């Protein structure tokens, strides 16, 4: 089992600011994988803590009281998480008994969106009396996964919030939310941390120093994702092997990647080759790791590959045969990277 990862200092600074807010609804937004969920849960923990630590007049969660423990074991009576069932299961939050039974017995698949019946449960929860005598929190993540009916149901509650309930919405696509929802929340934008601070935190979290810089770049500057990659066994060496491995048609360089990660990795390579061809430094790979060409690949060929990958990204959740999918992706990559037209 992986060791728990400490709260990054850049998220802790933002948490210290948010804890003091008195808004009934907060919207945490930014690009994917920079800590929206972690910050949302830490904020809920701090707001519900029964013995907050006072430091510079900021009440931080103590981590040891009954409320903090209840959140840790996913049983807090005054915290309701509103997530797609797929995300809820991935993050270790229990599903309602009937929903879990239906999924276990294969009567249906876990939902990939926040459905209106779950939102109605949240509205009912918001109207009930607090179980522990304090405020109540509804945490919605990823908020962009609310379907239209669910979003409208939430809007009505945001317009007239009952009692002491507070809402925390976290999203990687704020533009997909209803403007009326965004306007009723205190908006807080998350940004990528300073690379040096990110690398220092990564090494403290168990990432080998030799891997930190490369994995941080590979993950687009998102240190939390880079730590997950390292824990999954990925390294600077394995990432560096991808560009020339794809050029040689070697599928094994993508071992351990999900279909979506395969497509995203190829999109990153395509991006770097396009900008490198125009004299700009690559973002995700080191320049020395990019494929070598006798004759540079034409920009039009790379652009066509990028369009192909965009189509695959839209279809990637379809039930493709895994072996055939990786073969098709790698064949297309090899054909592109060995093209001189």
C-alpha atoms as a PDB file:
ATOM      1  CA  UNK A   1       0.000   0.000   0.000  1.00  0.00           C
ATOM      2  CA  UNK A   2       1.290   3.477  -0.888  1.00  0.00           C
ATOM      3  CA  UNK A   3       2.112   5.801   1.982  1.00  0.00           C
ATOM      4  CA  UNK A   4      -0.278   8.741   2.444  1.00  0.00           C
ATOM      5  CA  UNK A   5       0.807  11.893   0.637  1.00  0.00           C
ATOM      6  CA  UNK A   6       1.046  15.090   2.693  1.00  0.00           C
ATOM      7  CA  UNK A   7      -1.083  18.103   1.706  1.00  0.00           C
ATOM      8  CA  UNK A   8       0.989  20.161  -0.748  1.00  0.00           C
ATOM      9  CA  UNK A   9       2.032  23.552   0.652  1.00  0.00           C
ATOM     10  CA  UNK A  10       0.415  25.475  -2.222  1.00  0.00           C
ATOM     11  CA  UNK A  11      -2.933  23.825  -1.449  1.00  0.00           C
ATOM     12  CA  UNK A  12      -2.487  24.453   2.279  1.00  0.00           C
ATOM     13  CA  UNK A  13      -2.022  28.187   1.612  1.00  0.00           C
ATOM     14  CA  UNK A  14      -5.230  28.284  -0.427  1.00  0.00           C
ATOM     15  CA  UNK A  15      -7.038  26.272   2.244  1.00  0.00           C
ATOM     16  CA  UNK A  16      -6.018  28.787   4.911  1.00  0.00           C
ATOM     17  CA  UNK A  17      -7.681  31.507   2.841  1.00  0.00           C
ATOM     18  CA  UNK A  18     -10.836  29.545   2.070  1.00  0.00           C
ATOM     19  CA  UNK A  19     -11.438  28.374   5.657  1.00  0.00           C
ATOM     20  CA  UNK A  20     -12.139  31.983   6.641  1.00  0.00           C
ATOM     21  CA  UNK A  21     -14.778  32.506   3.943  1.00  0.00           C
ATOM     22  CA  UNK A  22     -18.400  32.702   5.024  1.00  0.00           C
ATOM     23  CA  UNK A  23     -20.032  32.056   1.653  1.00  0.00           C
ATOM     24  CA  UNK A  24     -22.668  29.313   1.560  1.00  0.00           C
ATOM     25  CA  UNK A  25     -21.206  27.994  -1.720  1.00  0.00           C
ATOM     26  CA  UNK A  26     -17.620  27.818  -3.005  1.00  0.00           C
ATOM     27  CA  UNK A  27     -16.565  26.862  -6.535  1.00  0.00           C
ATOM     28  CA  UNK A  28     -13.020  25.475  -6.877  1.00  0.00           C
ATOM     29  CA  UNK A  29     -11.922  25.410 -10.509  1.00  0.00           C
ATOM     30  CA  UNK A  30      -8.848  24.993 -12.674  1.00  0.00           C
ATOM     31  CA  UNK A  31      -7.239  22.624 -15.138  1.00  0.00           C
ATOM     32  CA  UNK A  32      -7.403  18.898 -14.457  1.00  0.00           C
ATOM     33  CA  UNK A  33      -5.371  17.218 -11.758  1.00  0.00           C
ATOM     34  CA  UNK A  34      -4.150  20.193  -9.729  1.00  0.00           C
ATOM     35  CA  UNK A  35      -5.951  19.380  -6.491  1.00  0.00           C
ATOM     36  CA  UNK A  36      -9.611  20.402  -6.755  1.00  0.00           C
ATOM     37  CA  UNK A  37     -10.900  17.295  -4.985  1.00  0.00           C
ATOM     38  CA  UNK A  38      -8.158  17.294  -2.337  1.00  0.00           C
ATOM     39  CA  UNK A  39      -8.725  20.971  -1.553  1.00  0.00           C
ATOM     40  CA  UNK A  40     -12.503  20.494  -1.448  1.00  0.00           C
ATOM     41  CA  UNK A  41     -12.227  17.606   1.015  1.00  0.00           C
ATOM     42  CA  UNK A  42      -9.717  19.475   3.187  1.00  0.00           C
ATOM     43  CA  UNK A  43     -12.062  22.485   3.264  1.00  0.00           C
ATOM     44  CA  UNK A  44     -14.987  20.288   4.295  1.00  0.00           C
ATOM     45  CA  UNK A  45     -12.804  18.711   6.982  1.00  0.00           C
ATOM     46  CA  UNK A  46     -11.796  22.135   8.343  1.00  0.00           C
ATOM     47  CA  UNK A  47     -15.348  23.505   8.350  1.00  0.00           C
ATOM     48  CA  UNK A  48     -16.681  20.439  10.166  1.00  0.00           C
ATOM     49  CA  UNK A  49     -13.794  19.996  12.639  1.00  0.00           C
ATOM     50  CA  UNK A  50     -14.898  19.970  16.278  1.00  0.00           C
ATOM     51  CA  UNK A  51     -11.512  21.064  17.671  1.00  0.00           C
ATOM     52  CA  UNK A  52      -9.946  23.321  15.015  1.00  0.00           C
ATOM     53  CA  UNK A  53      -6.334  24.295  15.523  1.00  0.00           C
ATOM     54  CA  UNK A  54      -5.907  28.045  15.789  1.00  0.00           C
ATOM     55  CA  UNK A  55      -2.803  29.201  13.950  1.00  0.00           C
ATOM     56  CA  UNK A  56      -2.496  32.853  12.949  1.00  0.00           C
ATOM     57  CA  UNK A  57      -6.263  33.095  13.605  1.00  0.00           C
ATOM     58  CA  UNK A  58      -6.899  30.366  11.035  1.00  0.00           C
ATOM     59  CA  UNK A  59      -8.852  27.304  12.121  1.00  0.00           C
ATOM     60  CA  UNK A  60      -7.239  24.220  10.623  1.00  0.00           C
ATOM     61  CA  UNK A  61      -8.707  20.754  11.017  1.00  0.00           C
ATOM     62  CA  UNK A  62      -7.153  18.949  13.969  1.00  0.00           C
ATOM     63  CA  UNK A  63      -7.175  15.555  12.273  1.00  0.00           C
ATOM     64  CA  UNK A  64      -7.959  13.716  15.522  1.00  0.00           C
ATOM     65  CA  UNK A  65     -11.485  14.678  16.637  1.00  0.00           C
ATOM     66  CA  UNK A  66     -14.564  12.555  16.006  1.00  0.00           C
ATOM     67  CA  UNK A  67     -15.540  14.640  12.993  1.00  0.00           C
ATOM     68  CA  UNK A  68     -12.120  14.356  11.324  1.00  0.00           C
ATOM     69  CA  UNK A  69     -12.081  10.617  11.972  1.00  0.00           C
ATOM     70  CA  UNK A  70     -15.588  10.202  10.542  1.00  0.00           C
ATOM     71  CA  UNK A  71     -14.510  11.911   7.330  1.00  0.00           C
ATOM     72  CA  UNK A  72     -11.403   9.723   7.142  1.00  0.00           C
ATOM     73  CA  UNK A  73     -13.502   6.545   7.321  1.00  0.00           C
ATOM     74  CA  UNK A  74     -16.209   7.973   5.005  1.00  0.00           C
ATOM     75  CA  UNK A  75     -19.029   7.896   7.587  1.00  0.00           C
ATOM     76  CA  UNK A  76     -19.609  11.553   8.547  1.00  0.00           C
ATOM     77  CA  UNK A  77     -23.331  12.191   9.054  1.00  0.00           C
ATOM     78  CA  UNK A  78     -23.062  15.861   8.017  1.00  0.00           C
ATOM     79  CA  UNK A  79     -20.958  15.432   4.861  1.00  0.00           C
ATOM     80  CA  UNK A  80     -22.599  14.277   1.658  1.00  0.00           C
ATOM     81  CA  UNK A  81     -20.441  13.713  -1.417  1.00  0.00           C
ATOM     82  CA  UNK A  82     -22.168  14.055  -4.753  1.00  0.00           C
ATOM     83  CA  UNK A  83     -20.160  12.299  -7.456  1.00  0.00           C
ATOM     84  CA  UNK A  84     -20.647  10.027 -10.455  1.00  0.00           C
ATOM     85  CA  UNK A  85     -20.775   6.474  -9.148  1.00  0.00           C
ATOM     86  CA  UNK A  86     -17.585   5.625 -11.048  1.00  0.00           C
ATOM     87  CA  UNK A  87     -15.698   8.427  -9.276  1.00  0.00           C
ATOM     88  CA  UNK A  88     -17.280   7.625  -5.919  1.00  0.00           C
ATOM     89  CA  UNK A  89     -16.066   4.026  -6.130  1.00  0.00           C
ATOM     90  CA  UNK A  90     -12.609   5.069  -7.300  1.00  0.00           C
ATOM     91  CA  UNK A  91     -12.178   7.463  -4.362  1.00  0.00           C
ATOM     92  CA  UNK A  92     -13.496   5.033  -1.778  1.00  0.00           C
ATOM     93  CA  UNK A  93     -16.847   6.619  -0.936  1.00  0.00           C
ATOM     94  CA  UNK A  94     -19.620   4.063  -0.298  1.00  0.00           C
ATOM     95  CA  UNK A  95     -22.579   3.914  -2.648  1.00  0.00           C
ATOM     96  CA  UNK A  96     -26.175   3.605  -1.431  1.00  0.00           C
ATOM     97  CA  UNK A  97     -26.991  -0.033  -0.714  1.00  0.00           C
ATOM     98  CA  UNK A  98     -29.377  -0.470  -3.656  1.00  0.00           C
ATOM     99  CA  UNK A  99     -27.020   1.156  -6.149  1.00  0.00           C
ATOM    100  CA  UNK A 100     -24.130  -1.040  -4.972  1.00  0.00           C
ATOM    101  CA  UNK A 101     -26.310  -4.140  -5.211  1.00  0.00           C
ATOM    102  CA  UNK A 102     -27.456  -3.282  -8.752  1.00  0.00           C
ATOM    103  CA  UNK A 103     -23.860  -2.776  -9.888  1.00  0.00           C
ATOM    104  CA  UNK A 104     -22.542  -5.888  -8.111  1.00  0.00           C
ATOM    105  CA  UNK A 105     -25.241  -8.038  -9.660  1.00  0.00           C
ATOM    106  CA  UNK A 106     -24.619  -6.439 -13.081  1.00  0.00           C
ATOM    107  CA  UNK A 107     -28.166  -5.150 -13.419  1.00  0.00           C
ATOM    108  CA  UNK A 108     -26.590  -1.887 -14.585  1.00  0.00           C
ATOM    109  CA  UNK A 109     -23.224  -0.187 -14.906  1.00  0.00           C
ATOM    110  CA  UNK A 110     -21.974   2.489 -12.533  1.00  0.00           C
ATOM    111  CA  UNK A 111     -23.061   5.929 -13.701  1.00  0.00           C
ATOM    112  CA  UNK A 112     -20.506   8.308 -15.186  1.00  0.00           C
ATOM    113  CA  UNK A 113     -22.611  11.376 -14.412  1.00  0.00           C
ATOM    114  CA  UNK A 114     -24.254  12.932 -11.366  1.00  0.00           C
ATOM    115  CA  UNK A 115     -27.869  11.960 -11.771  1.00  0.00           C
ATOM    116  CA  UNK A 116     -30.976  13.791 -10.631  1.00  0.00           C
ATOM    117  CA  UNK A 117     -31.983  11.132  -8.068  1.00  0.00           C
ATOM    118  CA  UNK A 118     -28.656  11.639  -6.280  1.00  0.00           C
ATOM    119  CA  UNK A 119     -29.180  15.404  -6.411  1.00  0.00           C
ATOM    120  CA  UNK A 120     -32.654  15.012  -4.883  1.00  0.00           C
ATOM    121  CA  UNK A 121     -31.081  13.025  -2.049  1.00  0.00           C
ATOM    122  CA  UNK A 122     -28.625  15.896  -1.565  1.00  0.00           C
ATOM    123  CA  UNK A 123     -31.432  18.459  -1.443  1.00  0.00           C
ATOM    124  CA  UNK A 124     -33.239  16.354   1.174  1.00  0.00           C
ATOM    125  CA  UNK A 125     -29.968  16.026   3.135  1.00  0.00           C
ATOM    126  CA  UNK A 126     -29.532  19.814   3.085  1.00  0.00           C
ATOM    127  CA  UNK A 127     -32.959  20.293   4.661  1.00  0.00           C
ATOM    128  CA  UNK A 128     -32.392  17.876   7.558  1.00  0.00           C
ATOM    129  CA  UNK A 129     -31.061  18.812  10.982  1.00  0.00           C
ATOM    130  CA  UNK A 130     -27.317  18.441  11.517  1.00  0.00           C
ATOM    131  CA  UNK A 131     -26.362  15.047  12.930  1.00  0.00           C
ATOM    132  CA  UNK A 132     -23.407  16.362  14.963  1.00  0.00           C
ATOM    133  CA  UNK A 133     -24.869  19.741  15.862  1.00  0.00           C
ATOM    134  CA  UNK A 134     -22.710  21.832  13.527  1.00  0.00           C
ATOM    135  CA  UNK A 135     -22.987  22.819   9.878  1.00  0.00           C
ATOM    136  CA  UNK A 136     -23.539  20.412   6.995  1.00  0.00           C
ATOM    137  CA  UNK A 137     -21.507  20.158   3.792  1.00  0.00           C
ATOM    138  CA  UNK A 138     -22.449  18.979   0.309  1.00  0.00           C
ATOM    139  CA  UNK A 139     -19.326  18.312  -1.777  1.00  0.00           C
ATOM    140  CA  UNK A 140     -19.930  18.092  -5.540  1.00  0.00           C
ATOM    141  CA  UNK A 141     -17.103  16.662  -7.659  1.00  0.00           C
ATOM    142  CA  UNK A 142     -16.541  16.817 -10.583  1.00  0.00           C
ATOM    143  CA  UNK A 143     -19.307  19.416 -10.757  1.00  0.00           C
ATOM    144  CA  UNK A 144     -19.320  19.420 -14.565  1.00  0.00           C
ATOM    145  CA  UNK A 145     -20.647  15.842 -14.441  1.00  0.00           C
ATOM    146  CA  UNK A 146     -24.074  16.976 -13.255  1.00  0.00           C
ATOM    147  CA  UNK A 147     -26.620  16.284 -15.957  1.00  0.00           C
ATOM    148  CA  UNK A 148     -28.971  19.124 -16.918  1.00  0.00           C
ATOM    149  CA  UNK A 149     -31.817  18.058 -14.632  1.00  0.00           C
ATOM    150  CA  UNK A 150     -29.474  17.580 -11.661  1.00  0.00           C
ATOM    151  CA  UNK A 151     -27.866  20.981 -12.244  1.00  0.00           C
ATOM    152  CA  UNK A 152     -31.247  22.697 -12.244  1.00  0.00           C
ATOM    153  CA  UNK A 153     -32.225  20.894  -9.044  1.00  0.00           C
ATOM    154  CA  UNK A 154     -29.045  22.156  -7.376  1.00  0.00           C
ATOM    155  CA  UNK A 155     -29.670  25.681  -8.649  1.00  0.00           C
ATOM    156  CA  UNK A 156     -32.949  25.925  -6.777  1.00  0.00           C
ATOM    157  CA  UNK A 157     -31.210  24.985  -3.513  1.00  0.00           C
ATOM    158  CA  UNK A 158     -28.325  27.408  -4.131  1.00  0.00           C
ATOM    159  CA  UNK A 159     -30.845  30.206  -4.600  1.00  0.00           C
ATOM    160  CA  UNK A 160     -32.398  29.556  -1.178  1.00  0.00           C
ATOM    161  CA  UNK A 161     -29.891  27.540   0.894  1.00  0.00           C
ATOM    162  CA  UNK A 162     -31.527  25.994   3.975  1.00  0.00           C
ATOM    163  CA  UNK A 163     -30.093  26.503   7.444  1.00  0.00           C
ATOM    164  CA  UNK A 164     -26.396  25.949   7.991  1.00  0.00           C
ATOM    165  CA  UNK A 165     -25.691  23.866   4.874  1.00  0.00           C
ATOM    166  CA  UNK A 166     -22.687  24.837   2.751  1.00  0.00           C
ATOM    167  CA  UNK A 167     -21.807  23.690  -0.741  1.00  0.00           C
ATOM    168  CA  UNK A 168     -18.354  23.002  -2.147  1.00  0.00           C
ATOM    169  CA  UNK A 169     -18.245  22.500  -5.904  1.00  0.00           C
ATOM    170  CA  UNK A 170     -14.992  21.360  -7.520  1.00  0.00           C
ATOM    171  CA  UNK A 171     -14.545  21.212 -11.268  1.00  0.00           C
ATOM    172  CA  UNK A 172     -12.029  20.846 -14.067  1.00  0.00           C
ATOM    173  CA  UNK A 173     -14.425  22.425 -16.576  1.00  0.00           C
ATOM    174  CA  UNK A 174     -16.133  25.451 -15.025  1.00  0.00           C
ATOM    175  CA  UNK A 175     -17.266  26.615 -18.458  1.00  0.00           C
ATOM    176  CA  UNK A 176     -19.591  23.591 -18.642  1.00  0.00           C
ATOM    177  CA  UNK A 177     -21.524  24.669 -15.535  1.00  0.00           C
ATOM    178  CA  UNK A 178     -24.689  26.734 -15.771  1.00  0.00           C
ATOM    179  CA  UNK A 179     -23.811  30.454 -15.555  1.00  0.00           C
ATOM    180  CA  UNK A 180     -26.477  30.781 -12.865  1.00  0.00           C
ATOM    181  CA  UNK A 181     -24.675  28.171 -10.737  1.00  0.00           C
ATOM    182  CA  UNK A 182     -21.321  29.896 -11.176  1.00  0.00           C
ATOM    183  CA  UNK A 183     -22.825  33.264 -10.239  1.00  0.00           C
ATOM    184  CA  UNK A 184     -24.156  31.898  -6.931  1.00  0.00           C
ATOM    185  CA  UNK A 185     -20.777  30.600  -5.770  1.00  0.00           C
ATOM    186  CA  UNK A 186     -17.640  32.220  -4.465  1.00  0.00           C
ATOM    187  CA  UNK A 187     -15.192  31.310  -7.239  1.00  0.00           C
ATOM    188  CA  UNK A 188     -11.634  30.256  -6.386  1.00  0.00           C
ATOM    189  CA  UNK A 189      -9.172  29.481  -9.173  1.00  0.00           C
ATOM    190  CA  UNK A 190      -6.432  26.890  -8.640  1.00  0.00           C
ATOM    191  CA  UNK A 191      -3.164  27.379 -10.506  1.00  0.00           C
ATOM    192  CA  UNK A 192      -0.158  25.187 -11.183  1.00  0.00           C
ATOM    193  CA  UNK A 193       2.445  25.456  -8.409  1.00  0.00           C
ATOM    194  CA  UNK A 194       5.979  26.748  -8.815  1.00  0.00           C
ATOM    195  CA  UNK A 195       8.012  23.902 -10.400  1.00  0.00           C
ATOM    196  CA  UNK A 196      10.765  23.997  -7.779  1.00  0.00           C
ATOM    197  CA  UNK A 197       8.282  23.825  -4.894  1.00  0.00           C
ATOM    198  CA  UNK A 198       6.413  21.057  -6.729  1.00  0.00           C
ATOM    199  CA  UNK A 199       9.576  18.975  -7.205  1.00  0.00           C
ATOM    200  CA  UNK A 200      10.559  19.380  -3.564  1.00  0.00           C
ATOM    201  CA  UNK A 201       7.134  18.170  -2.450  1.00  0.00           C
ATOM    202  CA  UNK A 202       7.286  15.261  -4.892  1.00  0.00           C
ATOM    203  CA  UNK A 203      10.598  14.026  -3.502  1.00  0.00           C
ATOM    204  CA  UNK A 204       9.241  14.306   0.057  1.00  0.00           C
ATOM    205  CA  UNK A 205       6.290  12.228  -1.145  1.00  0.00           C
ATOM    206  CA  UNK A 206       8.546   9.411  -2.320  1.00  0.00           C
ATOM    207  CA  UNK A 207       9.334  10.270  -5.945  1.00  0.00           C
ATOM    208  CA  UNK A 208      13.022   9.574  -6.718  1.00  0.00           C
ATOM    209  CA  UNK A 209      14.870  12.840  -7.274  1.00  0.00           C
ATOM    210  CA  UNK A 210      16.104  11.571 -10.639  1.00  0.00           C
ATOM    211  CA  UNK A 211      12.491  11.176 -11.826  1.00  0.00           C
ATOM    212  CA  UNK A 212      10.897  14.314 -10.395  1.00  0.00           C
ATOM    213  CA  UNK A 213      11.712  16.823 -13.150  1.00  0.00           C
ATOM    214  CA  UNK A 214      10.812  14.497 -16.026  1.00  0.00           C
ATOM    215  CA  UNK A 215       7.584  13.194 -14.480  1.00  0.00           C
ATOM    216  CA  UNK A 216       6.460  16.708 -13.531  1.00  0.00           C
ATOM    217  CA  UNK A 217       6.896  17.831 -17.145  1.00  0.00           C
ATOM    218  CA  UNK A 218       5.224  14.637 -18.425  1.00  0.00           C
ATOM    219  CA  UNK A 219       2.176  15.432 -16.286  1.00  0.00           C
ATOM    220  CA  UNK A 220       1.950  19.011 -17.502  1.00  0.00           C
ATOM    221  CA  UNK A 221       3.217  20.512 -14.251  1.00  0.00           C
ATOM    222  CA  UNK A 222       0.665  18.666 -12.081  1.00  0.00           C
ATOM    223  CA  UNK A 223       2.647  17.245  -9.148  1.00  0.00           C
ATOM    224  CA  UNK A 224      -0.205  15.213  -7.658  1.00  0.00           C
ATOM    225  CA  UNK A 225      -0.562  13.272 -10.897  1.00  0.00           C
ATOM    226  CA  UNK A 226       3.215  12.896 -11.140  1.00  0.00           C
ATOM    227  CA  UNK A 227       3.283  11.287  -7.675  1.00  0.00           C
ATOM    228  CA  UNK A 228       0.555   8.856  -8.769  1.00  0.00           C
ATOM    229  CA  UNK A 229       2.582   7.977 -11.868  1.00  0.00           C
ATOM    230  CA  UNK A 230       5.671   7.317  -9.765  1.00  0.00           C
ATOM    231  CA  UNK A 231       3.673   5.133  -7.368  1.00  0.00           C
ATOM    232  CA  UNK A 232       2.409   3.183 -10.403  1.00  0.00           C
ATOM    233  CA  UNK A 233       6.016   2.393 -11.347  1.00  0.00           C
ATOM    234  CA  UNK A 234       6.606   4.994 -14.028  1.00  0.00           C
ATOM    235  CA  UNK A 235       9.969   6.705 -14.200  1.00  0.00           C
ATOM    236  CA  UNK A 236      11.983   9.223 -16.178  1.00  0.00           C
ATOM    237  CA  UNK A 237      13.495   6.346 -18.117  1.00  0.00           C
ATOM    238  CA  UNK A 238      10.174   4.732 -19.075  1.00  0.00           C
ATOM    239  CA  UNK A 239       8.698   8.092 -20.154  1.00  0.00           C
ATOM    240  CA  UNK A 240      11.781   8.947 -22.209  1.00  0.00           C
ATOM    241  CA  UNK A 241      11.478   5.622 -24.059  1.00  0.00           C
ATOM    242  CA  UNK A 242       8.034   6.414 -25.472  1.00  0.00           C
ATOM    243  CA  UNK A 243       8.836   8.689 -28.459  1.00  0.00           C
ATOM    244  CA  UNK A 244      11.405   6.435 -30.144  1.00  0.00           C
ATOM    245  CA  UNK A 245       9.568   3.320 -29.021  1.00  0.00           C
ATOM    246  CA  UNK A 246       6.472   4.504 -30.876  1.00  0.00           C
ATOM    247  CA  UNK A 247       8.566   5.325 -33.907  1.00  0.00           C
ATOM    248  CA  UNK A 248       9.758   1.716 -33.854  1.00  0.00           C
ATOM    249  CA  UNK A 249       6.198   0.401 -33.406  1.00  0.00           C
ATOM    250  CA  UNK A 250       6.868  -1.055 -29.941  1.00  0.00           C
ATOM    251  CA  UNK A 251       3.648  -1.432 -27.983  1.00  0.00           C
ATOM    252  CA  UNK A 252       5.434  -2.359 -24.747  1.00  0.00           C
ATOM    253  CA  UNK A 253       6.467   1.269 -24.144  1.00  0.00           C
ATOM    254  CA  UNK A 254       2.809   1.878 -23.219  1.00  0.00           C
ATOM    255  CA  UNK A 255       2.523  -1.042 -20.786  1.00  0.00           C
ATOM    256  CA  UNK A 256       0.504  -0.042 -17.739  1.00  0.00           C
ATOM    257  CA  UNK A 257      -1.220   2.877 -19.472  1.00  0.00           C
ATOM    258  CA  UNK A 258      -5.003   3.012 -19.694  1.00  0.00           C
ATOM    259  CA  UNK A 259      -6.459   3.597 -23.179  1.00  0.00           C
ATOM    260  CA  UNK A 260      -7.083   7.251 -22.300  1.00  0.00           C
ATOM    261  CA  UNK A 261      -3.523   7.654 -21.033  1.00  0.00           C
ATOM    262  CA  UNK A 262      -2.191   6.119 -24.253  1.00  0.00           C
ATOM    263  CA  UNK A 263      -4.033   8.689 -26.340  1.00  0.00           C
ATOM    264  CA  UNK A 264      -3.027  11.541 -24.032  1.00  0.00           C
ATOM    265  CA  UNK A 265       0.649  10.490 -24.165  1.00  0.00           C
ATOM    266  CA  UNK A 266       0.566  10.488 -27.962  1.00  0.00           C
ATOM    267  CA  UNK A 267      -1.141  13.878 -27.972  1.00  0.00           C
ATOM    268  CA  UNK A 268       1.673  15.206 -25.797  1.00  0.00           C
ATOM    269  CA  UNK A 269       4.273  13.812 -28.193  1.00  0.00           C
ATOM    270  CA  UNK A 270       2.443  15.273 -31.184  1.00  0.00           C
ATOM    271  CA  UNK A 271       2.284  18.661 -29.456  1.00  0.00           C
ATOM    272  CA  UNK A 272       6.010  18.604 -28.697  1.00  0.00           C
ATOM    273  CA  UNK A 273       6.940  17.634 -32.250  1.00  0.00           C
ATOM    274  CA  UNK A 274       4.807  20.440 -33.657  1.00  0.00           C
ATOM    275  CA  UNK A 275       6.274  23.147 -31.418  1.00  0.00           C
ATOM    276  CA  UNK A 276       9.810  21.750 -31.761  1.00  0.00           C
ATOM    277  CA  UNK A 277       9.500  21.908 -35.548  1.00  0.00           C
ATOM    278  CA  UNK A 278       8.866  25.630 -35.181  1.00  0.00           C
ATOM    279  CA  UNK A 279      11.954  26.195 -33.049  1.00  0.00           C
ATOM    280  CA  UNK A 280      10.200  26.184 -29.650  1.00  0.00           C
ATOM    281  CA  UNK A 281      11.156  23.958 -26.697  1.00  0.00           C
ATOM    282  CA  UNK A 282       9.010  20.852 -26.068  1.00  0.00           C
ATOM    283  CA  UNK A 283       6.795  20.845 -22.986  1.00  0.00           C
ATOM    284  CA  UNK A 284       6.215  17.204 -22.065  1.00  0.00           C
ATOM    285  CA  UNK A 285       9.336  15.406 -23.312  1.00  0.00           C
ATOM    286  CA  UNK A 286      12.991  16.386 -23.269  1.00  0.00           C
ATOM    287  CA  UNK A 287      14.260  17.434 -26.694  1.00  0.00           C
ATOM    288  CA  UNK A 288      16.929  14.712 -26.588  1.00  0.00           C
ATOM    289  CA  UNK A 289      14.216  12.058 -26.164  1.00  0.00           C
ATOM    290  CA  UNK A 290      12.227  13.041 -29.264  1.00  0.00           C
ATOM    291  CA  UNK A 291      12.474  10.753 -32.322  1.00  0.00           C
ATOM    292  CA  UNK A 292      15.316  11.346 -34.737  1.00  0.00           C
ATOM    293  CA  UNK A 293      14.369  11.934 -38.378  1.00  0.00           C
ATOM    294  CA  UNK A 294      16.401  11.769 -41.565  1.00  0.00           C
ATOM    295  CA  UNK A 295      13.820  14.104 -43.042  1.00  0.00           C
ATOM    296  CA  UNK A 296      11.534  16.070 -40.683  1.00  0.00           C
ATOM    297  CA  UNK A 297       7.932  14.944 -40.548  1.00  0.00           C
ATOM    298  CA  UNK A 298       5.727  17.433 -42.377  1.00  0.00           C
ATOM    299  CA  UNK A 299       3.587  19.695 -40.184  1.00  0.00           C
ATOM    300  CA  UNK A 300       0.513  18.616 -42.148  1.00  0.00           C
ATOM    301  CA  UNK A 301       1.197  14.975 -41.279  1.00  0.00           C
ATOM    302  CA  UNK A 302       1.491  15.813 -37.578  1.00  0.00           C
ATOM    303  CA  UNK A 303      -1.692  17.869 -37.749  1.00  0.00           C
ATOM    304  CA  UNK A 304      -3.546  14.930 -39.307  1.00  0.00           C
ATOM    305  CA  UNK A 305      -2.251  12.677 -36.510  1.00  0.00           C
ATOM    306  CA  UNK A 306      -3.474  15.190 -33.952  1.00  0.00           C
ATOM    307  CA  UNK A 307      -6.954  15.128 -35.502  1.00  0.00           C
ATOM    308  CA  UNK A 308      -6.936  11.317 -35.432  1.00  0.00           C
ATOM    309  CA  UNK A 309      -6.002  11.335 -31.736  1.00  0.00           C
ATOM    310  CA  UNK A 310      -8.755  13.873 -30.988  1.00  0.00           C
ATOM    311  CA  UNK A 311     -11.307  11.522 -32.571  1.00  0.00           C
ATOM    312  CA  UNK A 312      -9.945   8.605 -30.575  1.00  0.00           C
ATOM    313  CA  UNK A 313     -10.163  10.632 -27.373  1.00  0.00           C
ATOM    314  CA  UNK A 314     -13.881  11.199 -27.977  1.00  0.00           C
ATOM    315  CA  UNK A 315     -14.464   7.466 -28.487  1.00  0.00           C
ATOM    316  CA  UNK A 316     -12.050   6.052 -25.925  1.00  0.00           C
ATOM    317  CA  UNK A 317     -14.741   4.961 -23.437  1.00  0.00           C
ATOM    318  CA  UNK A 318     -16.262   2.600 -26.006  1.00  0.00           C
ATOM    319  CA  UNK A 319     -15.654  -1.106 -25.296  1.00  0.00           C
ATOM    320  CA  UNK A 320     -12.744  -1.591 -27.690  1.00  0.00           C
ATOM    321  CA  UNK A 321     -10.693  -4.792 -27.583  1.00  0.00           C
ATOM    322  CA  UNK A 322      -7.611  -3.668 -25.578  1.00  0.00           C
ATOM    323  CA  UNK A 323      -5.049  -5.460 -27.732  1.00  0.00           C
ATOM    324  CA  UNK A 324      -6.520  -4.259 -31.004  1.00  0.00           C
ATOM    325  CA  UNK A 325      -6.787  -0.715 -29.678  1.00  0.00           C
ATOM    326  CA  UNK A 326      -3.137  -0.422 -28.661  1.00  0.00           C
ATOM    327  CA  UNK A 327      -2.041  -2.017 -31.950  1.00  0.00           C
ATOM    328  CA  UNK A 328      -4.096   0.518 -33.917  1.00  0.00           C
ATOM    329  CA  UNK A 329      -2.782   3.473 -31.915  1.00  0.00           C
ATOM    330  CA  UNK A 330       0.854   2.391 -32.155  1.00  0.00           C
ATOM    331  CA  UNK A 331       0.588   1.562 -35.878  1.00  0.00           C
ATOM    332  CA  UNK A 332      -0.796   5.035 -36.553  1.00  0.00           C
ATOM    333  CA  UNK A 333       1.974   6.600 -34.458  1.00  0.00           C
ATOM    334  CA  UNK A 334       4.708   4.612 -36.231  1.00  0.00           C
ATOM    335  CA  UNK A 335       3.305   5.485 -39.672  1.00  0.00           C
ATOM    336  CA  UNK A 336       3.264   9.164 -38.734  1.00  0.00           C
ATOM    337  CA  UNK A 337       6.723   9.226 -37.163  1.00  0.00           C
ATOM    338  CA  UNK A 338       8.276   7.407 -40.129  1.00  0.00           C
ATOM    339  CA  UNK A 339       6.566   9.565 -42.739  1.00  0.00           C
ATOM    340  CA  UNK A 340       8.531  12.085 -44.750  1.00  0.00           C
ATOM    341  CA  UNK A 341       5.614  13.389 -46.842  1.00  0.00           C
END
